[in-house]
Amino acid sequence: MRHGKKFNHLGRTASHRKAMLSNMASSLVIHKRINTTVAKAKALKKYVEPLVTRSKTDSTHNRRMVFSYLQSKDAVTELFKEVSLKIGDRPGGYTRIIKTGNRLGDNAEMCMIELVDYNEIYGRDEKKEGKKATRRRSKKAADSKKIENENVAEIQDNEVIDKDSTDVDSKQEEKE
């Protein structure tokens, strides 16, 4: 019976699963984003997030503990120097899984797993703090429109008066 055995075995023996997750975790730390199946990504997320939490406090003990999982000096150095500085204030949730569709050969669900603060494609759209568009006129705009309309009306009245006066002047000149 498999009562109480909750993690996904991924169809592999324990040693194969441990090696695969270790390799995937070190690749994720070094490259910041990898493509894999959804099942492997979910297993990797549970494997990597405690390691990232350990990297927040840089001590010899934590480095050795993380090295026992990753088995790569380069990945440990990258994790403790660059990654931990960038995600130091985050209280958890260091990875993101984005589904990318199904694989052509066997129709397996594929995804991209990435470290959250290292994305250039997804999220992080800076919203411009501009003037909010309103659907009604503001009082200032309405007042300025009234003033412009009054000025235009005065100008048109003046032109009409000028035309009338020129017509009257021309008629008087003709009579003389």
N, C-alpha and C. Protein backbone atom coordinates (compact mmCIF):
# COMPACT_ATOMS: atom_id res chain seq x y z
N MET A 1 0.84 -1.19 0.00
CA MET A 1 0.00 0.00 0.00
C MET A 1 0.88 1.25 0.00
N ARG A 2 0.40 2.30 -0.68
CA ARG A 2 1.19 3.53 -0.73
C ARG A 2 0.51 4.64 0.07
N HIS A 3 0.01 4.34 1.22
CA HIS A 3 -0.62 5.36 2.05
C HIS A 3 0.43 6.35 2.55
N GLY A 4 0.11 7.62 2.45
CA GLY A 4 0.98 8.66 2.98
C GLY A 4 2.21 8.94 2.13
N LYS A 5 2.29 8.41 0.93
CA LYS A 5 3.42 8.69 0.04
C LYS A 5 2.95 9.69 -1.00
N LYS A 6 3.24 10.96 -0.76
CA LYS A 6 2.60 12.00 -1.54
C LYS A 6 3.41 12.51 -2.73
N PHE A 7 4.72 12.44 -2.72
CA PHE A 7 5.46 13.07 -3.81
C PHE A 7 5.44 12.20 -5.07
N ASN A 8 5.65 12.85 -6.19
CA ASN A 8 5.60 12.18 -7.48
C ASN A 8 6.91 11.43 -7.72
N HIS A 9 6.82 10.14 -8.01
CA HIS A 9 8.02 9.34 -8.24
C HIS A 9 8.58 9.52 -9.64
N LEU A 10 7.80 10.11 -10.53
CA LEU A 10 8.22 10.44 -11.90
C LEU A 10 8.67 9.21 -12.69
N GLY A 11 8.23 8.04 -12.30
CA GLY A 11 8.56 6.82 -13.04
C GLY A 11 10.03 6.45 -12.97
N ARG A 12 10.71 6.83 -11.91
CA ARG A 12 12.15 6.59 -11.80
C ARG A 12 12.47 6.00 -10.43
N THR A 13 13.64 5.38 -10.35
CA THR A 13 14.10 4.89 -9.06
C THR A 13 14.54 6.08 -8.21
N ALA A 14 14.74 5.86 -6.94
CA ALA A 14 15.09 6.96 -6.03
C ALA A 14 16.41 7.62 -6.42
N SER A 15 17.40 6.83 -6.79
CA SER A 15 18.70 7.41 -7.14
C SER A 15 18.62 8.20 -8.45
N HIS A 16 17.86 7.67 -9.42
CA HIS A 16 17.70 8.37 -10.69
C HIS A 16 16.94 9.68 -10.49
N ARG A 17 15.90 9.65 -9.68
CA ARG A 17 15.09 10.85 -9.39
C ARG A 17 15.95 11.90 -8.68
N LYS A 18 16.76 11.47 -7.72
CA LYS A 18 17.62 12.40 -6.98
C LYS A 18 18.63 13.06 -7.91
N ALA A 19 19.25 12.27 -8.78
CA ALA A 19 20.24 12.82 -9.72
C ALA A 19 19.58 13.77 -10.71
N MET A 20 18.39 13.39 -11.22
CA MET A 20 17.70 14.23 -12.19
C MET A 20 17.30 15.57 -11.57
N LEU A 21 16.74 15.55 -10.37
CA LEU A 21 16.33 16.80 -9.72
C LEU A 21 17.55 17.66 -9.38
N SER A 22 18.64 17.03 -8.99
CA SER A 22 19.86 17.78 -8.70
C SER A 22 20.37 18.49 -9.95
N ASN A 23 20.41 17.77 -11.07
CA ASN A 23 20.87 18.36 -12.33
C ASN A 23 19.93 19.48 -12.80
N MET A 24 18.63 19.25 -12.68
CA MET A 24 17.68 20.27 -13.10
C MET A 24 17.76 21.50 -12.21
N ALA A 25 17.96 21.30 -10.92
CA ALA A 25 18.06 22.43 -9.99
C ALA A 25 19.30 23.27 -10.27
N SER A 26 20.42 22.61 -10.52
CA SER A 26 21.64 23.38 -10.81
C SER A 26 21.50 24.11 -12.15
N SER A 27 20.84 23.49 -13.13
CA SER A 27 20.60 24.17 -14.41
C SER A 27 19.69 25.38 -14.22
N LEU A 28 18.68 25.23 -13.38
CA LEU A 28 17.76 26.35 -13.13
C LEU A 28 18.49 27.51 -12.46
N VAL A 29 19.37 27.20 -11.52
CA VAL A 29 20.10 28.27 -10.82
C VAL A 29 21.06 28.97 -11.77
N ILE A 30 21.72 28.21 -12.63
CA ILE A 30 22.71 28.80 -13.54
C ILE A 30 22.04 29.57 -14.67
N HIS A 31 21.02 28.97 -15.29
CA HIS A 31 20.40 29.57 -16.48
C HIS A 31 19.17 30.42 -16.18
N LYS A 32 18.63 30.35 -14.97
CA LYS A 32 17.48 31.12 -14.49
C LYS A 32 16.15 30.69 -15.11
N ARG A 33 16.16 29.86 -16.15
CA ARG A 33 14.93 29.42 -16.79
C ARG A 33 15.22 28.14 -17.57
N ILE A 34 14.37 27.11 -17.39
CA ILE A 34 14.53 25.88 -18.17
C ILE A 34 13.16 25.41 -18.64
N ASN A 35 13.16 24.64 -19.72
CA ASN A 35 11.95 24.05 -20.27
C ASN A 35 11.91 22.57 -19.90
N THR A 36 10.76 22.11 -19.41
CA THR A 36 10.62 20.73 -18.98
C THR A 36 9.13 20.38 -18.98
N THR A 37 8.81 19.18 -18.52
CA THR A 37 7.40 18.81 -18.41
C THR A 37 6.82 19.39 -17.12
N VAL A 38 5.51 19.46 -17.07
CA VAL A 38 4.85 20.06 -15.91
C VAL A 38 5.10 19.24 -14.65
N ALA A 39 5.06 17.90 -14.76
CA ALA A 39 5.27 17.05 -13.59
C ALA A 39 6.67 17.23 -13.02
N LYS A 40 7.67 17.28 -13.89
CA LYS A 40 9.04 17.49 -13.42
C LYS A 40 9.21 18.88 -12.82
N ALA A 41 8.55 19.87 -13.41
CA ALA A 41 8.66 21.24 -12.91
C ALA A 41 8.06 21.35 -11.51
N LYS A 42 6.93 20.68 -11.28
CA LYS A 42 6.32 20.73 -9.95
C LYS A 42 7.20 20.05 -8.91
N ALA A 43 7.83 18.93 -9.31
CA ALA A 43 8.74 18.25 -8.39
C ALA A 43 9.98 19.12 -8.14
N LEU A 44 10.47 19.78 -9.19
CA LEU A 44 11.64 20.64 -9.07
C LEU A 44 11.35 21.85 -8.18
N LYS A 45 10.14 22.37 -8.26
CA LYS A 45 9.77 23.51 -7.44
C LYS A 45 9.88 23.17 -5.94
N LYS A 46 9.40 21.99 -5.57
CA LYS A 46 9.50 21.55 -4.18
C LYS A 46 10.95 21.29 -3.77
N TYR A 47 11.79 20.97 -4.73
CA TYR A 47 13.20 20.65 -4.47
C TYR A 47 14.03 21.93 -4.33
N VAL A 48 13.73 22.94 -5.16
CA VAL A 48 14.59 24.13 -5.24
C VAL A 48 14.24 25.18 -4.18
N GLU A 49 12.97 25.38 -3.91
CA GLU A 49 12.59 26.50 -3.05
C GLU A 49 13.21 26.45 -1.65
N PRO A 50 13.31 25.29 -0.99
CA PRO A 50 14.02 25.28 0.29
C PRO A 50 15.50 25.63 0.16
N LEU A 51 16.10 25.30 -0.98
CA LEU A 51 17.51 25.64 -1.19
C LEU A 51 17.68 27.15 -1.34
N VAL A 52 16.76 27.78 -2.03
CA VAL A 52 16.83 29.24 -2.18
C VAL A 52 16.62 29.92 -0.84
N THR A 53 15.74 29.37 -0.03
CA THR A 53 15.54 29.93 1.32
C THR A 53 16.81 29.80 2.14
N ARG A 54 17.51 28.68 2.03
CA ARG A 54 18.78 28.50 2.74
C ARG A 54 19.83 29.50 2.28
N SER A 55 19.78 29.87 1.01
CA SER A 55 20.81 30.76 0.47
C SER A 55 20.70 32.19 0.98
N LYS A 56 19.60 32.51 1.64
CA LYS A 56 19.44 33.87 2.16
C LYS A 56 20.45 34.19 3.25
N THR A 57 20.80 33.18 4.06
CA THR A 57 21.83 33.39 5.08
C THR A 57 23.08 32.66 4.63
N ASP A 58 24.12 33.41 4.34
CA ASP A 58 25.35 32.85 3.79
C ASP A 58 26.24 32.38 4.94
N SER A 59 26.27 31.07 5.14
CA SER A 59 27.15 30.48 6.14
C SER A 59 27.76 29.21 5.56
N THR A 60 28.82 28.75 6.16
CA THR A 60 29.48 27.54 5.68
C THR A 60 28.53 26.35 5.76
N HIS A 61 27.78 26.27 6.83
CA HIS A 61 26.84 25.15 6.98
C HIS A 61 25.78 25.16 5.87
N ASN A 62 25.20 26.33 5.61
CA ASN A 62 24.19 26.41 4.56
C ASN A 62 24.77 26.09 3.18
N ARG A 63 25.99 26.56 2.92
CA ARG A 63 26.63 26.25 1.64
C ARG A 63 26.84 24.74 1.48
N ARG A 64 27.27 24.08 2.54
CA ARG A 64 27.50 22.64 2.46
C ARG A 64 26.19 21.87 2.31
N MET A 65 25.14 22.33 2.98
CA MET A 65 23.84 21.68 2.85
C MET A 65 23.31 21.81 1.41
N VAL A 66 23.43 23.01 0.84
CA VAL A 66 22.97 23.23 -0.52
C VAL A 66 23.83 22.43 -1.50
N PHE A 67 25.13 22.36 -1.25
CA PHE A 67 26.01 21.58 -2.13
C PHE A 67 25.65 20.10 -2.11
N SER A 68 25.18 19.60 -0.97
CA SER A 68 24.79 18.19 -0.91
C SER A 68 23.59 17.90 -1.81
N TYR A 69 22.78 18.93 -2.08
CA TYR A 69 21.65 18.77 -3.00
C TYR A 69 22.03 19.03 -4.45
N LEU A 70 22.81 20.09 -4.69
CA LEU A 70 23.09 20.51 -6.07
C LEU A 70 24.29 19.80 -6.70
N GLN A 71 25.30 19.44 -5.92
CA GLN A 71 26.50 18.76 -6.42
C GLN A 71 27.23 19.57 -7.49
N SER A 72 27.17 20.89 -7.42
CA SER A 72 27.84 21.74 -8.38
C SER A 72 28.32 23.00 -7.69
N LYS A 73 29.65 23.19 -7.68
CA LYS A 73 30.20 24.37 -7.01
C LYS A 73 29.77 25.66 -7.70
N ASP A 74 29.70 25.62 -9.03
CA ASP A 74 29.28 26.81 -9.78
C ASP A 74 27.86 27.22 -9.43
N ALA A 75 26.98 26.23 -9.34
CA ALA A 75 25.58 26.52 -9.02
C ALA A 75 25.45 27.07 -7.60
N VAL A 76 26.22 26.51 -6.66
CA VAL A 76 26.17 26.98 -5.27
C VAL A 76 26.67 28.42 -5.18
N THR A 77 27.76 28.71 -5.87
CA THR A 77 28.31 30.07 -5.87
C THR A 77 27.31 31.05 -6.47
N GLU A 78 26.72 30.67 -7.60
CA GLU A 78 25.72 31.53 -8.26
C GLU A 78 24.52 31.77 -7.34
N LEU A 79 24.07 30.71 -6.68
CA LEU A 79 22.91 30.80 -5.81
C LEU A 79 23.16 31.73 -4.63
N PHE A 80 24.31 31.60 -3.99
CA PHE A 80 24.58 32.39 -2.79
C PHE A 80 25.00 33.82 -3.11
N LYS A 81 25.63 34.05 -4.25
CA LYS A 81 26.09 35.41 -4.56
C LYS A 81 25.02 36.21 -5.29
N GLU A 82 24.59 35.74 -6.44
CA GLU A 82 23.70 36.55 -7.29
C GLU A 82 22.23 36.37 -6.96
N VAL A 83 21.78 35.13 -6.88
CA VAL A 83 20.35 34.86 -6.72
C VAL A 83 19.85 35.30 -5.35
N SER A 84 20.61 35.00 -4.31
CA SER A 84 20.13 35.33 -2.96
C SER A 84 20.05 36.84 -2.75
N LEU A 85 20.90 37.61 -3.41
CA LEU A 85 20.82 39.07 -3.28
C LEU A 85 19.57 39.62 -3.95
N LYS A 86 19.20 39.00 -5.07
CA LYS A 86 18.06 39.51 -5.82
C LYS A 86 16.73 39.14 -5.17
N ILE A 87 16.65 37.98 -4.52
CA ILE A 87 15.39 37.53 -3.96
C ILE A 87 15.41 37.55 -2.43
N GLY A 88 16.32 38.28 -1.84
CA GLY A 88 16.47 38.28 -0.38
C GLY A 88 15.27 38.80 0.37
N ASP A 89 14.53 39.72 -0.19
CA ASP A 89 13.39 40.29 0.51
C ASP A 89 12.09 39.55 0.25
N ARG A 90 12.10 38.60 -0.67
CA ARG A 90 10.88 37.85 -1.02
C ARG A 90 10.61 36.78 0.03
N PRO A 91 9.36 36.67 0.51
CA PRO A 91 9.06 35.71 1.58
C PRO A 91 8.73 34.31 1.10
N GLY A 92 9.05 33.96 -0.10
CA GLY A 92 8.76 32.62 -0.63
C GLY A 92 8.24 32.74 -2.04
N GLY A 93 7.97 31.62 -2.68
CA GLY A 93 7.47 31.65 -4.05
C GLY A 93 8.52 32.16 -5.02
N TYR A 94 9.67 31.50 -5.03
CA TYR A 94 10.80 31.98 -5.82
C TYR A 94 10.75 31.52 -7.27
N THR A 95 9.90 30.56 -7.59
CA THR A 95 9.84 30.05 -8.96
C THR A 95 8.45 30.24 -9.53
N ARG A 96 8.38 30.26 -10.86
CA ARG A 96 7.12 30.41 -11.57
C ARG A 96 7.07 29.35 -12.67
N ILE A 97 5.92 28.70 -12.81
CA ILE A 97 5.73 27.71 -13.86
C ILE A 97 4.76 28.28 -14.88
N ILE A 98 5.21 28.36 -16.13
CA ILE A 98 4.38 28.87 -17.22
C ILE A 98 4.19 27.74 -18.23
N LYS A 99 2.95 27.33 -18.44
CA LYS A 99 2.68 26.23 -19.36
C LYS A 99 2.84 26.72 -20.80
N THR A 100 3.51 25.89 -21.61
CA THR A 100 3.81 26.29 -22.99
C THR A 100 3.13 25.42 -24.04
N GLY A 101 2.30 24.48 -23.63
CA GLY A 101 1.62 23.64 -24.61
C GLY A 101 2.06 22.19 -24.50
N ASN A 102 1.75 21.41 -25.51
CA ASN A 102 2.07 19.99 -25.50
C ASN A 102 3.23 19.69 -26.44
N ARG A 103 4.03 18.70 -26.08
CA ARG A 103 5.18 18.28 -26.88
C ARG A 103 4.67 17.52 -28.09
N LEU A 104 5.32 17.68 -29.23
CA LEU A 104 4.85 17.06 -30.47
C LEU A 104 4.95 15.53 -30.45
N GLY A 105 6.03 14.99 -29.93
CA GLY A 105 6.24 13.54 -30.02
C GLY A 105 5.27 12.71 -29.21
N ASP A 106 5.09 13.05 -27.94
CA ASP A 106 4.26 12.22 -27.07
C ASP A 106 3.12 12.99 -26.41
N ASN A 107 2.91 14.25 -26.81
CA ASN A 107 1.81 15.07 -26.33
C ASN A 107 1.89 15.34 -24.81
N ALA A 108 3.11 15.34 -24.27
CA ALA A 108 3.29 15.63 -22.84
C ALA A 108 3.13 17.13 -22.61
N GLU A 109 2.54 17.51 -21.47
CA GLU A 109 2.39 18.92 -21.14
C GLU A 109 3.75 19.52 -20.84
N MET A 110 4.12 20.54 -21.58
CA MET A 110 5.41 21.19 -21.39
C MET A 110 5.21 22.54 -20.70
N CYS A 111 6.28 22.98 -20.04
CA CYS A 111 6.22 24.27 -19.36
C CYS A 111 7.62 24.86 -19.28
N MET A 112 7.65 26.10 -18.84
CA MET A 112 8.90 26.78 -18.59
C MET A 112 8.90 27.13 -17.10
N ILE A 113 9.92 26.71 -16.38
CA ILE A 113 10.04 27.08 -14.96
C ILE A 113 11.19 28.08 -14.87
N GLU A 114 10.95 29.16 -14.13
CA GLU A 114 11.94 30.22 -14.04
C GLU A 114 11.98 30.79 -12.64
N LEU A 115 13.09 31.41 -12.32
CA LEU A 115 13.20 32.16 -11.08
C LEU A 115 12.45 33.48 -11.28
N VAL A 116 11.63 33.84 -10.33
CA VAL A 116 10.66 34.92 -10.52
C VAL A 116 11.30 36.27 -10.84
N ASP A 117 12.35 36.65 -10.16
CA ASP A 117 12.92 37.97 -10.35
C ASP A 117 13.82 38.08 -11.58
N TYR A 118 13.97 37.02 -12.33
CA TYR A 118 14.86 37.05 -13.48
C TYR A 118 14.10 37.00 -14.80
N ASN A 119 12.83 37.31 -14.83
CA ASN A 119 12.08 37.22 -16.07
C ASN A 119 12.20 38.50 -16.87
N GLU A 120 12.38 38.35 -18.18
CA GLU A 120 12.38 39.50 -19.08
C GLU A 120 11.16 39.47 -19.98
N ILE A 121 10.51 38.31 -20.06
CA ILE A 121 9.40 38.14 -20.99
C ILE A 121 8.06 38.37 -20.32
N TYR A 122 7.84 37.75 -19.20
CA TYR A 122 6.53 37.67 -18.58
C TYR A 122 6.44 38.58 -17.36
N GLY A 123 5.32 39.29 -17.22
CA GLY A 123 5.12 40.16 -16.05
C GLY A 123 5.96 41.41 -16.15
N ARG A 124 6.17 42.09 -15.07
CA ARG A 124 7.00 43.27 -14.94
C ARG A 124 6.66 44.38 -15.93
N ASP A 125 5.45 44.47 -16.39
CA ASP A 125 5.10 45.56 -17.27
C ASP A 125 4.89 46.81 -16.43
N GLU A 126 5.77 47.76 -16.61
CA GLU A 126 5.68 48.99 -15.84
C GLU A 126 4.51 49.80 -16.38
N LYS A 127 3.58 50.12 -15.52
CA LYS A 127 2.45 50.92 -15.94
C LYS A 127 2.84 52.38 -15.82
N LYS A 128 2.53 53.13 -16.86
CA LYS A 128 2.85 54.55 -16.85
C LYS A 128 1.85 55.28 -15.99
N GLU A 129 2.38 56.09 -15.09
CA GLU A 129 1.53 56.88 -14.23
C GLU A 129 1.19 58.16 -14.96
N GLY A 130 0.24 58.10 -15.83
CA GLY A 130 -0.16 59.26 -16.60
C GLY A 130 -1.47 59.81 -16.08
N LYS A 131 -1.98 60.79 -16.82
CA LYS A 131 -3.24 61.39 -16.45
C LYS A 131 -4.35 60.41 -16.75
N LYS A 132 -5.24 60.24 -15.83
CA LYS A 132 -6.34 59.30 -16.01
C LYS A 132 -7.37 59.91 -16.95
N ALA A 133 -7.78 59.13 -17.93
CA ALA A 133 -8.77 59.61 -18.88
C ALA A 133 -10.15 59.57 -18.24
N THR A 134 -10.86 60.67 -18.36
CA THR A 134 -12.22 60.71 -17.82
C THR A 134 -13.20 60.74 -18.97
N ARG A 135 -14.40 60.32 -18.70
CA ARG A 135 -15.42 60.28 -19.74
C ARG A 135 -16.26 61.54 -19.74
N ARG A 136 -16.01 62.41 -18.80
CA ARG A 136 -16.76 63.65 -18.75
C ARG A 136 -15.77 64.81 -18.83
N ARG A 137 -16.28 65.95 -19.16
CA ARG A 137 -15.42 67.11 -19.22
C ARG A 137 -15.14 67.64 -17.84
N SER A 138 -13.95 68.11 -17.66
CA SER A 138 -13.63 68.74 -16.39
C SER A 138 -14.16 70.17 -16.41
N LYS A 139 -14.29 70.77 -15.27
CA LYS A 139 -14.83 72.13 -15.19
C LYS A 139 -13.89 73.12 -15.87
N LYS A 140 -12.60 72.91 -15.72
CA LYS A 140 -11.63 73.82 -16.33
C LYS A 140 -11.74 73.76 -17.85
N ALA A 141 -11.84 72.56 -18.37
CA ALA A 141 -11.94 72.41 -19.83
C ALA A 141 -13.24 73.02 -20.34
N ALA A 142 -14.32 72.80 -19.60
CA ALA A 142 -15.61 73.35 -20.02
C ALA A 142 -15.57 74.89 -19.99
N ASP A 143 -14.95 75.46 -18.94
CA ASP A 143 -14.84 76.92 -18.84
C ASP A 143 -13.98 77.47 -19.97
N SER A 144 -12.89 76.81 -20.28
CA SER A 144 -12.02 77.30 -21.35
C SER A 144 -12.71 77.19 -22.70
N LYS A 145 -13.54 76.16 -22.90
CA LYS A 145 -14.31 76.03 -24.15
C LYS A 145 -15.31 77.17 -24.27
N LYS A 146 -15.98 77.50 -23.16
CA LYS A 146 -16.94 78.61 -23.19
C LYS A 146 -16.25 79.91 -23.56
N ILE A 147 -15.09 80.13 -22.96
CA ILE A 147 -14.34 81.36 -23.23
C ILE A 147 -13.92 81.40 -24.69
N GLU A 148 -13.43 80.28 -25.22
CA GLU A 148 -13.04 80.23 -26.63
C GLU A 148 -14.24 80.49 -27.53
N ASN A 149 -15.37 79.87 -27.20
CA ASN A 149 -16.58 80.07 -28.02
C ASN A 149 -17.02 81.53 -27.99
N GLU A 150 -16.94 82.17 -26.83
CA GLU A 150 -17.31 83.59 -26.72
C GLU A 150 -16.36 84.44 -27.55
N ASN A 151 -15.05 84.13 -27.49
CA ASN A 151 -14.07 84.89 -28.26
C ASN A 151 -14.32 84.73 -29.76
N VAL A 152 -14.63 83.50 -30.18
CA VAL A 152 -14.91 83.25 -31.60
C VAL A 152 -16.15 84.02 -32.03
N ALA A 153 -17.18 84.01 -31.17
CA ALA A 153 -18.42 84.74 -31.50
C ALA A 153 -18.15 86.24 -31.60
N GLU A 154 -17.34 86.79 -30.69
CA GLU A 154 -17.01 88.21 -30.75
C GLU A 154 -16.24 88.54 -32.02
N ILE A 155 -15.30 87.65 -32.38
CA ILE A 155 -14.52 87.89 -33.59
C ILE A 155 -15.41 87.85 -34.81
N GLN A 156 -16.32 86.90 -34.85
CA GLN A 156 -17.25 86.80 -35.98
C GLN A 156 -18.15 88.01 -36.03
N ASP A 157 -18.63 88.50 -34.88
CA ASP A 157 -19.47 89.69 -34.84
C ASP A 157 -18.69 90.89 -35.35
N ASN A 158 -17.43 90.98 -34.94
CA ASN A 158 -16.59 92.09 -35.39
C ASN A 158 -16.38 92.03 -36.89
N GLU A 159 -16.18 90.82 -37.43
CA GLU A 159 -16.00 90.69 -38.88
C GLU A 159 -17.26 91.09 -39.61
N VAL A 160 -18.43 90.68 -39.07
CA VAL A 160 -19.70 91.06 -39.70
C VAL A 160 -19.86 92.57 -39.66
N ILE A 161 -19.54 93.17 -38.53
CA ILE A 161 -19.63 94.63 -38.41
C ILE A 161 -18.66 95.29 -39.36
N ASP A 162 -17.45 94.76 -39.47
CA ASP A 162 -16.45 95.32 -40.39
C ASP A 162 -16.94 95.23 -41.82
N LYS A 163 -17.53 94.11 -42.20
CA LYS A 163 -18.04 93.94 -43.56
C LYS A 163 -19.16 94.94 -43.82
N ASP A 164 -20.03 95.10 -42.84
CA ASP A 164 -21.13 96.05 -43.00
C ASP A 164 -20.60 97.46 -43.15
N SER A 165 -19.62 97.80 -42.35
CA SER A 165 -19.07 99.16 -42.43
C SER A 165 -18.34 99.36 -43.75
N THR A 166 -17.66 98.34 -44.25
CA THR A 166 -16.98 98.48 -45.54
C THR A 166 -18.00 98.58 -46.66
N ASP A 167 -19.11 97.86 -46.53
CA ASP A 167 -20.16 97.95 -47.54
C ASP A 167 -20.76 99.35 -47.54
N VAL A 168 -20.99 99.88 -46.36
CA VAL A 168 -21.56 101.22 -46.24
C VAL A 168 -20.58 102.24 -46.79
N ASP A 169 -19.28 102.09 -46.50
CA ASP A 169 -18.25 103.01 -47.01
C ASP A 169 -18.18 102.94 -48.52
N SER A 170 -18.24 101.75 -49.08
CA SER A 170 -18.16 101.62 -50.54
C SER A 170 -19.39 102.21 -51.21
N LYS A 171 -20.58 102.10 -50.60
CA LYS A 171 -21.79 102.67 -51.17
C LYS A 171 -21.72 104.18 -51.12
N GLN A 172 -21.17 104.72 -50.05
CA GLN A 172 -21.06 106.17 -49.94
C GLN A 172 -20.09 106.71 -50.98
N GLU A 173 -19.00 105.94 -51.24
CA GLU A 173 -18.03 106.39 -52.24
C GLU A 173 -18.66 106.36 -53.63
N GLU A 174 -19.52 105.38 -53.88
CA GLU A 174 -20.16 105.30 -55.18
C GLU A 174 -21.10 106.47 -55.39
N LYS A 175 -21.80 106.88 -54.34
CA LYS A 175 -22.72 107.98 -54.45
C LYS A 175 -21.99 109.29 -54.71
N GLU A 176 -20.80 109.42 -54.23
CA GLU A 176 -20.06 110.66 -54.40
C GLU A 176 -19.43 110.68 -55.71
